[in-house]
Amino acid sequence: MTILIPKGIVESFGKLLNYNGIDMDKRRFTGFLFLFALFLGLGAAFNAYVFAFTHPAIAFAVVFFGIIFLAFALLRLSSESKGRYVEAILPDALRLVASNMKSGLTTERALFVAGRDEFGPLQIELRNASKRIASGERIEEVLKDIGSKINSPVLEKTMWLISEGIKSGGQISDLLFQLSDDLKDQNSLQDEVRSNISIYILLILFSAVFGAPLLFGVSSFIVEVLSKQIASTPTIDPASIQGAGLGPAMGFASGNKSLVSPEFIVTFSIIMLVLTTLFSSFTIGVINTGKEINGLKFVIPLTIAALIVFYSVRFLLGTFFGNLV
């Protein structure tokens, strides 16, 4: 099964497994995932064929690609969350390592002592690095490996700077203090930017959760009222209408049913609400972290909230204007 999977997909899942600390062969994991998705997709296609609720090919595609995307999204979100946490505590960790080195500890001992519980994922990497350095591995290579185990460009660049500083023979403790101060300034700047753009996030949330459901709820109710009133209109002889020269008005005046049913409008509204909340979540993810994938965690709550507002609007309109339906 793994032979049929593109190499790029296998490598992408391999990186995510590495970032999440999952000790599993990337080919075996990817092969199992695709095989699992294939069987579930075939099962969904069979059920669709038996119960005829949709085309079997559509059911297979939705389930197959949905499972693969869900696995990728969960691994990616987990690695992104881990990386953001490490970026937040990285300045304190660097300052602690620098203080240990200033006090006379060796590099490997300074890294081991700095591996505190509050540093979370970084604690494990610092202690592993300390053991590897003590066993005789080069410090530069060990530090670069720390950056490759956590999905954080900031950590990767920081480890690269430290390794380059070691190669050039500089004062590592002074470099760590300077990096710590620079990272703190960067985090403060990012927090300030987030506070300045929070108004845009509120506008997006309002549009997705209240604005769009309100408009779709009102419009779908109006279509339902008009459809039932047109259906109850007395039928007029089309020949007499044509003789009167009404032309395009013949379909409406003769009492024919609308080509667009209320059920279609409701279904269309639900689909558009799901798409609206999906793209709104992606936009929020870009604004907050610069990556669309980080907005996926908002999709389900925003969609549920939007559907609640949509059906609440229809219920209220039906309660107050039920005599029109």
C-alpha atoms as a PDB file:
ATOM      1  CA  MET A   1       0.000   0.000   0.000  1.00  0.00           C
ATOM      2  CA  THR A   2       2.833   2.390   0.855  1.00  0.00           C
ATOM      3  CA  ILE A   3       4.326   1.983  -2.637  1.00  0.00           C
ATOM      4  CA  LEU A   4       1.209   3.561  -4.159  1.00  0.00           C
ATOM      5  CA  ILE A   5       1.312   6.593  -1.831  1.00  0.00           C
ATOM      6  CA  PRO A   6       3.223   9.648  -3.137  1.00  0.00           C
ATOM      7  CA  LYS A   7       6.561  10.175  -1.420  1.00  0.00           C
ATOM      8  CA  GLY A   8       5.701  13.765  -0.489  1.00  0.00           C
ATOM      9  CA  ILE A   9       2.685  12.619   1.539  1.00  0.00           C
ATOM     10  CA  VAL A  10       4.761  10.005   3.368  1.00  0.00           C
ATOM     11  CA  GLU A  11       7.432  12.589   4.194  1.00  0.00           C
ATOM     12  CA  SER A  12       4.830  15.081   5.426  1.00  0.00           C
ATOM     13  CA  PHE A  13       3.327  12.543   7.809  1.00  0.00           C
ATOM     14  CA  GLY A  14       6.837  11.524   8.874  1.00  0.00           C
ATOM     15  CA  LYS A  15       7.636  15.105   9.909  1.00  0.00           C
ATOM     16  CA  LEU A  16       4.387  15.386  11.837  1.00  0.00           C
ATOM     17  CA  LEU A  17       5.070  12.116  13.659  1.00  0.00           C
ATOM     18  CA  ASN A  18       8.521  13.417  14.569  1.00  0.00           C
ATOM     19  CA  TYR A  19       7.127  16.737  15.799  1.00  0.00           C
ATOM     20  CA  ASN A  20       4.560  14.969  17.980  1.00  0.00           C
ATOM     21  CA  GLY A  21       7.094  12.549  19.452  1.00  0.00           C
ATOM     22  CA  ILE A  22       5.352   9.483  17.994  1.00  0.00           C
ATOM     23  CA  ASP A  23       7.934   6.725  17.609  1.00  0.00           C
ATOM     24  CA  MET A  24       6.465   4.956  14.588  1.00  0.00           C
ATOM     25  CA  ASP A  25       7.751   4.280  11.107  1.00  0.00           C
ATOM     26  CA  LYS A  26       6.312   6.854   8.708  1.00  0.00           C
ATOM     27  CA  ARG A  27       5.693   4.310   5.932  1.00  0.00           C
ATOM     28  CA  ARG A  28       3.874   1.935   8.249  1.00  0.00           C
ATOM     29  CA  PHE A  29       1.739   4.719   9.709  1.00  0.00           C
ATOM     30  CA  THR A  30       0.846   6.193   6.308  1.00  0.00           C
ATOM     31  CA  GLY A  31       0.080   2.763   4.862  1.00  0.00           C
ATOM     32  CA  PHE A  32      -2.175   1.876   7.780  1.00  0.00           C
ATOM     33  CA  LEU A  33      -3.954   5.248   7.541  1.00  0.00           C
ATOM     34  CA  PHE A  34      -4.654   4.931   3.819  1.00  0.00           C
ATOM     35  CA  LEU A  35      -5.756   1.311   4.192  1.00  0.00           C
ATOM     36  CA  PHE A  36      -8.084   2.238   7.063  1.00  0.00           C
ATOM     37  CA  ALA A  37      -9.516   5.130   5.038  1.00  0.00           C
ATOM     38  CA  LEU A  38      -9.943   2.839   2.018  1.00  0.00           C
ATOM     39  CA  PHE A  39     -11.984   0.252   3.928  1.00  0.00           C
ATOM     40  CA  LEU A  40     -14.176   2.896   5.566  1.00  0.00           C
ATOM     41  CA  GLY A  41     -14.671   4.596   2.208  1.00  0.00           C
ATOM     42  CA  LEU A  42     -15.752   1.316   0.617  1.00  0.00           C
ATOM     43  CA  GLY A  43     -18.134   0.732   3.515  1.00  0.00           C
ATOM     44  CA  ALA A  44     -19.634   4.192   3.077  1.00  0.00           C
ATOM     45  CA  ALA A  45     -19.989   3.621  -0.682  1.00  0.00           C
ATOM     46  CA  PHE A  46     -21.757   0.301  -0.066  1.00  0.00           C
ATOM     47  CA  ASN A  47     -24.189   1.911   2.396  1.00  0.00           C
ATOM     48  CA  ALA A  48     -24.830   4.727  -0.065  1.00  0.00           C
ATOM     49  CA  TYR A  49     -25.589   2.162  -2.784  1.00  0.00           C
ATOM     50  CA  VAL A  50     -27.924   0.139  -0.538  1.00  0.00           C
ATOM     51  CA  PHE A  51     -29.826   3.017   1.063  1.00  0.00           C
ATOM     52  CA  ALA A  52     -29.473   5.369  -1.951  1.00  0.00           C
ATOM     53  CA  PHE A  53     -28.926   8.538   0.097  1.00  0.00           C
ATOM     54  CA  THR A  54     -26.171   9.740  -2.237  1.00  0.00           C
ATOM     55  CA  HIS A  55     -23.958   8.532  -5.081  1.00  0.00           C
ATOM     56  CA  PRO A  56     -21.529   5.794  -3.925  1.00  0.00           C
ATOM     57  CA  ALA A  57     -18.545   7.574  -5.526  1.00  0.00           C
ATOM     58  CA  ILE A  58     -19.319  10.754  -3.599  1.00  0.00           C
ATOM     59  CA  ALA A  59     -19.660   8.846  -0.315  1.00  0.00           C
ATOM     60  CA  PHE A  60     -16.346   7.049  -0.928  1.00  0.00           C
ATOM     61  CA  ALA A  61     -14.489  10.269  -1.790  1.00  0.00           C
ATOM     62  CA  VAL A  62     -15.859  12.169   1.206  1.00  0.00           C
ATOM     63  CA  VAL A  63     -15.021   9.436   3.721  1.00  0.00           C
ATOM     64  CA  PHE A  64     -11.643   8.464   2.220  1.00  0.00           C
ATOM     65  CA  PHE A  65     -10.213  11.953   1.855  1.00  0.00           C
ATOM     66  CA  GLY A  66     -11.980  13.172   4.995  1.00  0.00           C
ATOM     67  CA  ILE A  67     -10.234  10.610   7.208  1.00  0.00           C
ATOM     68  CA  ILE A  68      -6.818  11.365   5.705  1.00  0.00           C
ATOM     69  CA  PHE A  69      -7.340  15.107   6.061  1.00  0.00           C
ATOM     70  CA  LEU A  70      -8.626  14.699   9.618  1.00  0.00           C
ATOM     71  CA  ALA A  71      -5.539  12.706  10.635  1.00  0.00           C
ATOM     72  CA  PHE A  72      -3.254  15.248   9.005  1.00  0.00           C
ATOM     73  CA  ALA A  73      -5.093  18.175  10.611  1.00  0.00           C
ATOM     74  CA  LEU A  74      -5.003  16.640  14.105  1.00  0.00           C
ATOM     75  CA  LEU A  75      -1.279  15.914  13.879  1.00  0.00           C
ATOM     76  CA  ARG A  76      -0.601  19.362  12.458  1.00  0.00           C
ATOM     77  CA  LEU A  77      -2.655  21.166  15.098  1.00  0.00           C
ATOM     78  CA  SER A  78      -0.962  19.190  17.867  1.00  0.00           C
ATOM     79  CA  SER A  79       2.505  20.029  16.542  1.00  0.00           C
ATOM     80  CA  GLU A  80       1.579  23.694  16.072  1.00  0.00           C
ATOM     81  CA  SER A  81       0.263  23.902  19.633  1.00  0.00           C
ATOM     82  CA  LYS A  82       3.445  22.286  20.935  1.00  0.00           C
ATOM     83  CA  GLY A  83       5.575  24.711  18.914  1.00  0.00           C
ATOM     84  CA  ARG A  84       3.706  27.796  20.136  1.00  0.00           C
ATOM     85  CA  TYR A  85       4.099  26.681  23.750  1.00  0.00           C
ATOM     86  CA  VAL A  86       7.830  26.193  23.273  1.00  0.00           C
ATOM     87  CA  GLU A  87       8.160  29.618  21.640  1.00  0.00           C
ATOM     88  CA  ALA A  88       6.434  31.214  24.631  1.00  0.00           C
ATOM     89  CA  ILE A  89       8.792  29.672  27.221  1.00  0.00           C
ATOM     90  CA  LEU A  90      11.930  29.678  25.081  1.00  0.00           C
ATOM     91  CA  PRO A  91      13.250  33.064  26.369  1.00  0.00           C
ATOM     92  CA  ASP A  92      13.091  31.863  29.986  1.00  0.00           C
ATOM     93  CA  ALA A  93      14.756  28.561  29.070  1.00  0.00           C
ATOM     94  CA  LEU A  94      17.622  30.326  27.271  1.00  0.00           C
ATOM     95  CA  ARG A  95      18.127  32.701  30.173  1.00  0.00           C
ATOM     96  CA  LEU A  96      18.225  29.772  32.616  1.00  0.00           C
ATOM     97  CA  VAL A  97      20.806  27.922  30.494  1.00  0.00           C
ATOM     98  CA  ALA A  98      22.910  31.091  30.258  1.00  0.00           C
ATOM     99  CA  SER A  99      22.739  31.612  34.028  1.00  0.00           C
ATOM    100  CA  ASN A 100      23.836  28.031  34.607  1.00  0.00           C
ATOM    101  CA  MET A 101      26.776  28.485  32.249  1.00  0.00           C
ATOM    102  CA  LYS A 102      27.712  31.771  33.938  1.00  0.00           C
ATOM    103  CA  SER A 103      27.796  29.977  37.267  1.00  0.00           C
ATOM    104  CA  GLY A 104      30.465  27.608  35.934  1.00  0.00           C
ATOM    105  CA  LEU A 105      28.494  24.562  34.803  1.00  0.00           C
ATOM    106  CA  THR A 106      29.490  22.742  31.665  1.00  0.00           C
ATOM    107  CA  THR A 107      27.295  22.960  28.578  1.00  0.00           C
ATOM    108  CA  GLU A 108      25.737  19.523  28.992  1.00  0.00           C
ATOM    109  CA  ARG A 109      25.135  20.069  32.708  1.00  0.00           C
ATOM    110  CA  ALA A 110      23.635  23.508  32.088  1.00  0.00           C
ATOM    111  CA  LEU A 111      21.193  22.010  29.574  1.00  0.00           C
ATOM    112  CA  PHE A 112      20.248  19.176  31.930  1.00  0.00           C
ATOM    113  CA  VAL A 113      19.612  21.504  34.887  1.00  0.00           C
ATOM    114  CA  ALA A 114      17.545  23.808  32.648  1.00  0.00           C
ATOM    115  CA  GLY A 115      15.205  20.933  31.771  1.00  0.00           C
ATOM    116  CA  ARG A 116      12.465  21.845  34.231  1.00  0.00           C
ATOM    117  CA  ASP A 117       8.970  20.411  34.270  1.00  0.00           C
ATOM    118  CA  GLU A 118       7.338  23.746  33.413  1.00  0.00           C
ATOM    119  CA  PHE A 119       9.157  23.801  30.078  1.00  0.00           C
ATOM    120  CA  GLY A 120       7.017  20.923  28.838  1.00  0.00           C
ATOM    121  CA  PRO A 121       8.217  19.440  25.520  1.00  0.00           C
ATOM    122  CA  LEU A 122      11.416  21.483  25.642  1.00  0.00           C
ATOM    123  CA  GLN A 123      12.377  19.807  28.920  1.00  0.00           C
ATOM    124  CA  ILE A 124      12.633  16.421  27.218  1.00  0.00           C
ATOM    125  CA  GLU A 125      14.729  17.779  24.355  1.00  0.00           C
ATOM    126  CA  LEU A 126      17.104  19.659  26.678  1.00  0.00           C
ATOM    127  CA  ARG A 127      17.756  16.585  28.794  1.00  0.00           C
ATOM    128  CA  ASN A 128      18.212  14.366  25.750  1.00  0.00           C
ATOM    129  CA  ALA A 129      20.647  16.920  24.335  1.00  0.00           C
ATOM    130  CA  SER A 130      22.558  16.931  27.608  1.00  0.00           C
ATOM    131  CA  LYS A 131      22.923  13.138  27.525  1.00  0.00           C
ATOM    132  CA  ARG A 132      24.038  13.139  23.912  1.00  0.00           C
ATOM    133  CA  ILE A 133      26.671  15.814  24.538  1.00  0.00           C
ATOM    134  CA  ALA A 134      27.939  13.901  27.567  1.00  0.00           C
ATOM    135  CA  SER A 135      28.253  10.776  25.411  1.00  0.00           C
ATOM    136  CA  GLY A 136      30.625  12.589  23.046  1.00  0.00           C
ATOM    137  CA  GLU A 137      28.424  13.967  20.246  1.00  0.00           C
ATOM    138  CA  ARG A 138      29.166  17.393  18.821  1.00  0.00           C
ATOM    139  CA  ILE A 139      27.258  20.242  20.471  1.00  0.00           C
ATOM    140  CA  GLU A 140      26.409  21.860  17.130  1.00  0.00           C
ATOM    141  CA  GLU A 141      24.711  18.734  15.775  1.00  0.00           C
ATOM    142  CA  VAL A 142      22.830  18.108  19.001  1.00  0.00           C
ATOM    143  CA  LEU A 143      21.468  21.661  19.089  1.00  0.00           C
ATOM    144  CA  LYS A 144      20.304  21.438  15.463  1.00  0.00           C
ATOM    145  CA  ASP A 145      18.440  18.222  16.284  1.00  0.00           C
ATOM    146  CA  ILE A 146      16.537  20.029  19.052  1.00  0.00           C
ATOM    147  CA  GLY A 147      15.088  22.362  16.433  1.00  0.00           C
ATOM    148  CA  SER A 148      14.074  19.450  14.203  1.00  0.00           C
ATOM    149  CA  LYS A 149      12.025  17.725  16.927  1.00  0.00           C
ATOM    150  CA  ILE A 150       9.640  20.637  17.559  1.00  0.00           C
ATOM    151  CA  ASN A 151       7.534  22.414  14.940  1.00  0.00           C
ATOM    152  CA  SER A 152       8.826  25.915  15.647  1.00  0.00           C
ATOM    153  CA  PRO A 153      10.768  28.032  13.134  1.00  0.00           C
ATOM    154  CA  VAL A 154      11.807  30.325  16.005  1.00  0.00           C
ATOM    155  CA  LEU A 155      13.364  27.436  17.932  1.00  0.00           C
ATOM    156  CA  GLU A 156      15.077  26.098  14.822  1.00  0.00           C
ATOM    157  CA  LYS A 157      16.635  29.484  14.002  1.00  0.00           C
ATOM    158  CA  THR A 158      17.633  30.004  17.635  1.00  0.00           C
ATOM    159  CA  MET A 159      19.413  26.663  17.780  1.00  0.00           C
ATOM    160  CA  TRP A 160      21.161  27.478  14.503  1.00  0.00           C
ATOM    161  CA  LEU A 161      22.388  30.800  15.896  1.00  0.00           C
ATOM    162  CA  ILE A 162      23.697  29.117  19.040  1.00  0.00           C
ATOM    163  CA  SER A 163      25.521  26.433  17.043  1.00  0.00           C
ATOM    164  CA  GLU A 164      27.080  29.096  14.796  1.00  0.00           C
ATOM    165  CA  GLY A 165      28.146  31.027  17.904  1.00  0.00           C
ATOM    166  CA  ILE A 166      29.821  27.914  19.285  1.00  0.00           C
ATOM    167  CA  LYS A 167      31.658  27.374  15.991  1.00  0.00           C
ATOM    168  CA  SER A 168      32.943  30.958  15.992  1.00  0.00           C
ATOM    169  CA  GLY A 169      34.185  30.610  19.584  1.00  0.00           C
ATOM    170  CA  GLY A 170      32.041  33.380  21.090  1.00  0.00           C
ATOM    171  CA  GLN A 171      30.721  33.745  24.598  1.00  0.00           C
ATOM    172  CA  ILE A 172      27.712  31.414  24.556  1.00  0.00           C
ATOM    173  CA  SER A 173      26.225  32.728  27.774  1.00  0.00           C
ATOM    174  CA  ASP A 174      26.206  36.301  26.472  1.00  0.00           C
ATOM    175  CA  LEU A 175      24.677  35.112  23.216  1.00  0.00           C
ATOM    176  CA  LEU A 176      21.921  33.271  25.088  1.00  0.00           C
ATOM    177  CA  PHE A 177      21.115  36.352  27.172  1.00  0.00           C
ATOM    178  CA  GLN A 178      20.876  38.454  24.006  1.00  0.00           C
ATOM    179  CA  LEU A 179      18.682  35.878  22.261  1.00  0.00           C
ATOM    180  CA  SER A 180      16.418  35.719  25.291  1.00  0.00           C
ATOM    181  CA  ASP A 181      15.932  39.491  25.285  1.00  0.00           C
ATOM    182  CA  ASP A 182      15.286  39.546  21.529  1.00  0.00           C
ATOM    183  CA  LEU A 183      12.717  36.756  21.763  1.00  0.00           C
ATOM    184  CA  LYS A 184      10.917  38.509  24.605  1.00  0.00           C
ATOM    185  CA  ASP A 185      10.728  41.684  22.532  1.00  0.00           C
ATOM    186  CA  GLN A 186       9.423  39.670  19.590  1.00  0.00           C
ATOM    187  CA  ASN A 187       6.731  38.002  21.712  1.00  0.00           C
ATOM    188  CA  SER A 188       5.669  41.376  23.124  1.00  0.00           C
ATOM    189  CA  LEU A 189       5.412  42.794  19.604  1.00  0.00           C
ATOM    190  CA  GLN A 190       3.298  39.853  18.475  1.00  0.00           C
ATOM    191  CA  ASP A 191       0.958  40.281  21.448  1.00  0.00           C
ATOM    192  CA  GLU A 192       0.568  43.958  20.597  1.00  0.00           C
ATOM    193  CA  VAL A 193      -0.234  43.126  16.979  1.00  0.00           C
ATOM    194  CA  ARG A 194      -2.841  40.575  18.058  1.00  0.00           C
ATOM    195  CA  SER A 195      -4.521  43.123  20.322  1.00  0.00           C
ATOM    196  CA  ASN A 196      -4.642  45.661  17.489  1.00  0.00           C
ATOM    197  CA  ILE A 197      -6.288  43.264  15.039  1.00  0.00           C
ATOM    198  CA  SER A 198      -8.744  41.750  17.513  1.00  0.00           C
ATOM    199  CA  ILE A 199     -11.488  44.024  16.142  1.00  0.00           C
ATOM    200  CA  TYR A 200     -11.191  42.278  12.763  1.00  0.00           C
ATOM    201  CA  ILE A 201     -11.619  38.901  14.422  1.00  0.00           C
ATOM    202  CA  LEU A 202     -14.762  40.130  16.176  1.00  0.00           C
ATOM    203  CA  LEU A 203     -16.178  41.368  12.868  1.00  0.00           C
ATOM    204  CA  ILE A 204     -15.483  38.023  11.226  1.00  0.00           C
ATOM    205  CA  LEU A 205     -17.098  36.140  14.121  1.00  0.00           C
ATOM    206  CA  PHE A 206     -20.159  38.408  14.037  1.00  0.00           C
ATOM    207  CA  SER A 207     -20.561  37.952  10.284  1.00  0.00           C
ATOM    208  CA  ALA A 208     -20.189  34.171  10.425  1.00  0.00           C
ATOM    209  CA  VAL A 209     -22.212  33.478  13.568  1.00  0.00           C
ATOM    210  CA  PHE A 210     -24.937  36.167  13.457  1.00  0.00           C
ATOM    211  CA  GLY A 211     -24.968  38.100  10.175  1.00  0.00           C
ATOM    212  CA  ALA A 212     -25.045  35.264   7.645  1.00  0.00           C
ATOM    213  CA  PRO A 213     -27.427  32.980   9.634  1.00  0.00           C
ATOM    214  CA  LEU A 214     -29.812  35.901  10.170  1.00  0.00           C
ATOM    215  CA  LEU A 215     -29.949  36.764   6.455  1.00  0.00           C
ATOM    216  CA  PHE A 216     -30.272  33.128   5.361  1.00  0.00           C
ATOM    217  CA  GLY A 217     -32.949  32.479   7.986  1.00  0.00           C
ATOM    218  CA  VAL A 218     -35.061  35.454   6.891  1.00  0.00           C
ATOM    219  CA  SER A 219     -34.645  34.767   3.171  1.00  0.00           C
ATOM    220  CA  SER A 220     -35.475  31.057   3.491  1.00  0.00           C
ATOM    221  CA  PHE A 221     -38.611  31.907   5.490  1.00  0.00           C
ATOM    222  CA  ILE A 222     -39.709  34.453   2.874  1.00  0.00           C
ATOM    223  CA  VAL A 223     -39.234  31.907   0.090  1.00  0.00           C
ATOM    224  CA  GLU A 224     -41.288  29.393   2.058  1.00  0.00           C
ATOM    225  CA  VAL A 225     -44.128  31.914   2.524  1.00  0.00           C
ATOM    226  CA  LEU A 226     -44.133  32.957  -1.129  1.00  0.00           C
ATOM    227  CA  SER A 227     -44.015  29.352  -2.345  1.00  0.00           C
ATOM    228  CA  LYS A 228     -47.036  28.322  -0.284  1.00  0.00           C
ATOM    229  CA  GLN A 229     -48.993  31.433  -1.238  1.00  0.00           C
ATOM    230  CA  ILE A 230     -48.276  30.874  -4.928  1.00  0.00           C
ATOM    231  CA  ALA A 231     -49.237  27.211  -4.590  1.00  0.00           C
ATOM    232  CA  SER A 232     -52.586  28.236  -3.059  1.00  0.00           C
ATOM    233  CA  THR A 233     -53.332  30.741  -5.831  1.00  0.00           C
ATOM    234  CA  PRO A 234     -56.332  29.683  -7.966  1.00  0.00           C
ATOM    235  CA  THR A 235     -55.307  28.207 -11.307  1.00  0.00           C
ATOM    236  CA  ILE A 236     -56.055  30.369 -14.334  1.00  0.00           C
ATOM    237  CA  ASP A 237     -56.477  29.032 -17.848  1.00  0.00           C
ATOM    238  CA  PRO A 238     -53.139  29.597 -19.652  1.00  0.00           C
ATOM    239  CA  ALA A 239     -54.967  30.085 -22.974  1.00  0.00           C
ATOM    240  CA  SER A 240     -56.859  33.089 -21.650  1.00  0.00           C
ATOM    241  CA  ILE A 241     -53.660  34.541 -20.207  1.00  0.00           C
ATOM    242  CA  GLN A 242     -51.855  34.133 -23.514  1.00  0.00           C
ATOM    243  CA  GLY A 243     -54.735  35.740 -25.302  1.00  0.00           C
ATOM    244  CA  ALA A 244     -54.522  38.687 -22.941  1.00  0.00           C
ATOM    245  CA  GLY A 245     -50.887  39.229 -23.940  1.00  0.00           C
ATOM    246  CA  LEU A 246     -49.363  38.837 -20.467  1.00  0.00           C
ATOM    247  CA  GLY A 247     -46.351  36.897 -21.781  1.00  0.00           C
ATOM    248  CA  PRO A 248     -43.794  36.215 -18.995  1.00  0.00           C
ATOM    249  CA  ALA A 249     -46.412  36.684 -16.301  1.00  0.00           C
ATOM    250  CA  MET A 250     -48.251  33.585 -17.453  1.00  0.00           C
ATOM    251  CA  GLY A 251     -46.264  31.190 -15.202  1.00  0.00           C
ATOM    252  CA  PHE A 252     -46.892  33.223 -12.069  1.00  0.00           C
ATOM    253  CA  ALA A 253     -50.495  34.124 -12.768  1.00  0.00           C
ATOM    254  CA  SER A 254     -51.450  30.574 -13.660  1.00  0.00           C
ATOM    255  CA  GLY A 255     -50.491  29.387 -10.166  1.00  0.00           C
ATOM    256  CA  ASN A 256     -47.673  27.090 -11.180  1.00  0.00           C
ATOM    257  CA  LYS A 257     -45.355  25.981  -8.393  1.00  0.00           C
ATOM    258  CA  SER A 258     -42.000  27.668  -8.052  1.00  0.00           C
ATOM    259  CA  LEU A 259     -39.045  25.849  -9.553  1.00  0.00           C
ATOM    260  CA  VAL A 260     -37.061  26.620  -6.366  1.00  0.00           C
ATOM    261  CA  SER A 261     -38.539  24.713  -3.449  1.00  0.00           C
ATOM    262  CA  PRO A 262     -38.256  25.853   0.202  1.00  0.00           C
ATOM    263  CA  GLU A 263     -36.386  22.622   1.001  1.00  0.00           C
ATOM    264  CA  PHE A 264     -33.753  23.482  -1.597  1.00  0.00           C
ATOM    265  CA  ILE A 265     -33.328  26.971  -0.129  1.00  0.00           C
ATOM    266  CA  VAL A 266     -32.870  25.552   3.386  1.00  0.00           C
ATOM    267  CA  THR A 267     -30.322  23.015   2.143  1.00  0.00           C
ATOM    268  CA  PHE A 268     -28.496  25.688   0.171  1.00  0.00           C
ATOM    269  CA  SER A 269     -28.463  27.976   3.225  1.00  0.00           C
ATOM    270  CA  ILE A 270     -26.968  25.255   5.442  1.00  0.00           C
ATOM    271  CA  ILE A 271     -24.240  24.490   2.885  1.00  0.00           C
ATOM    272  CA  MET A 272     -23.367  28.168   2.541  1.00  0.00           C
ATOM    273  CA  LEU A 273     -23.265  28.593   6.328  1.00  0.00           C
ATOM    274  CA  VAL A 274     -20.853  25.670   6.658  1.00  0.00           C
ATOM    275  CA  LEU A 275     -18.617  27.141   3.941  1.00  0.00           C
ATOM    276  CA  THR A 276     -18.824  30.593   5.532  1.00  0.00           C
ATOM    277  CA  THR A 277     -17.769  29.336   8.950  1.00  0.00           C
ATOM    278  CA  LEU A 278     -15.016  27.213   7.351  1.00  0.00           C
ATOM    279  CA  PHE A 279     -13.416  30.138   5.533  1.00  0.00           C
ATOM    280  CA  SER A 280     -13.990  32.423   8.506  1.00  0.00           C
ATOM    281  CA  SER A 281     -12.070  29.968  10.689  1.00  0.00           C
ATOM    282  CA  PHE A 282      -9.233  29.867   8.168  1.00  0.00           C
ATOM    283  CA  THR A 283      -9.131  33.667   8.157  1.00  0.00           C
ATOM    284  CA  ILE A 284      -9.000  33.797  11.951  1.00  0.00           C
ATOM    285  CA  GLY A 285      -6.162  31.262  11.900  1.00  0.00           C
ATOM    286  CA  VAL A 286      -4.199  33.444   9.471  1.00  0.00           C
ATOM    287  CA  ILE A 287      -4.762  36.566  11.570  1.00  0.00           C
ATOM    288  CA  ASN A 288      -3.816  34.891  14.844  1.00  0.00           C
ATOM    289  CA  THR A 289      -0.870  32.725  13.855  1.00  0.00           C
ATOM    290  CA  GLY A 290      -0.239  33.301  10.153  1.00  0.00           C
ATOM    291  CA  LYS A 291      -1.327  29.738   9.255  1.00  0.00           C
ATOM    292  CA  GLU A 292      -4.745  28.668   7.976  1.00  0.00           C
ATOM    293  CA  ILE A 293      -4.540  25.222   9.566  1.00  0.00           C
ATOM    294  CA  ASN A 294      -4.662  26.740  13.055  1.00  0.00           C
ATOM    295  CA  GLY A 295      -8.182  27.979  12.390  1.00  0.00           C
ATOM    296  CA  LEU A 296      -9.612  24.468  12.010  1.00  0.00           C
ATOM    297  CA  LYS A 297     -10.306  24.231  15.734  1.00  0.00           C
ATOM    298  CA  PHE A 298     -12.897  27.011  15.348  1.00  0.00           C
ATOM    299  CA  VAL A 299     -14.865  25.306  12.543  1.00  0.00           C
ATOM    300  CA  ILE A 300     -17.096  23.031  14.637  1.00  0.00           C
ATOM    301  CA  PRO A 301     -18.114  25.564  17.346  1.00  0.00           C
ATOM    302  CA  LEU A 302     -18.706  28.328  14.771  1.00  0.00           C
ATOM    303  CA  THR A 303     -20.768  26.003  12.562  1.00  0.00           C
ATOM    304  CA  ILE A 304     -22.892  24.850  15.503  1.00  0.00           C
ATOM    305  CA  ALA A 305     -23.454  28.437  16.635  1.00  0.00           C
ATOM    306  CA  ALA A 306     -24.371  29.561  13.103  1.00  0.00           C
ATOM    307  CA  LEU A 307     -26.883  26.715  12.651  1.00  0.00           C
ATOM    308  CA  ILE A 308     -28.444  27.470  16.039  1.00  0.00           C
ATOM    309  CA  VAL A 309     -28.944  31.109  15.033  1.00  0.00           C
ATOM    310  CA  PHE A 310     -30.294  30.057  11.604  1.00  0.00           C
ATOM    311  CA  TYR A 311     -32.946  27.708  13.011  1.00  0.00           C
ATOM    312  CA  SER A 312     -33.749  30.113  15.854  1.00  0.00           C
ATOM    313  CA  VAL A 313     -34.503  32.881  13.345  1.00  0.00           C
ATOM    314  CA  ARG A 314     -36.741  30.548  11.340  1.00  0.00           C
ATOM    315  CA  PHE A 315     -38.504  29.414  14.524  1.00  0.00           C
ATOM    316  CA  LEU A 316     -39.152  32.999  15.698  1.00  0.00           C
ATOM    317  CA  LEU A 317     -40.400  34.085  12.290  1.00  0.00           C
ATOM    318  CA  GLY A 318     -42.647  31.032  12.134  1.00  0.00           C
ATOM    319  CA  THR A 319     -43.996  31.825  15.617  1.00  0.00           C
ATOM    320  CA  PHE A 320     -44.845  35.468  14.897  1.00  0.00           C
ATOM    321  CA  PHE A 321     -45.842  35.149  11.233  1.00  0.00           C
ATOM    322  CA  GLY A 322     -47.105  31.572  11.190  1.00  0.00           C
ATOM    323  CA  ASN A 323     -50.460  32.648   9.770  1.00  0.00           C
ATOM    324  CA  LEU A 324     -48.755  33.592   6.513  1.00  0.00           C
ATOM    325  CA  VAL A 325     -47.434  30.078   5.934  1.00  0.00           C
END
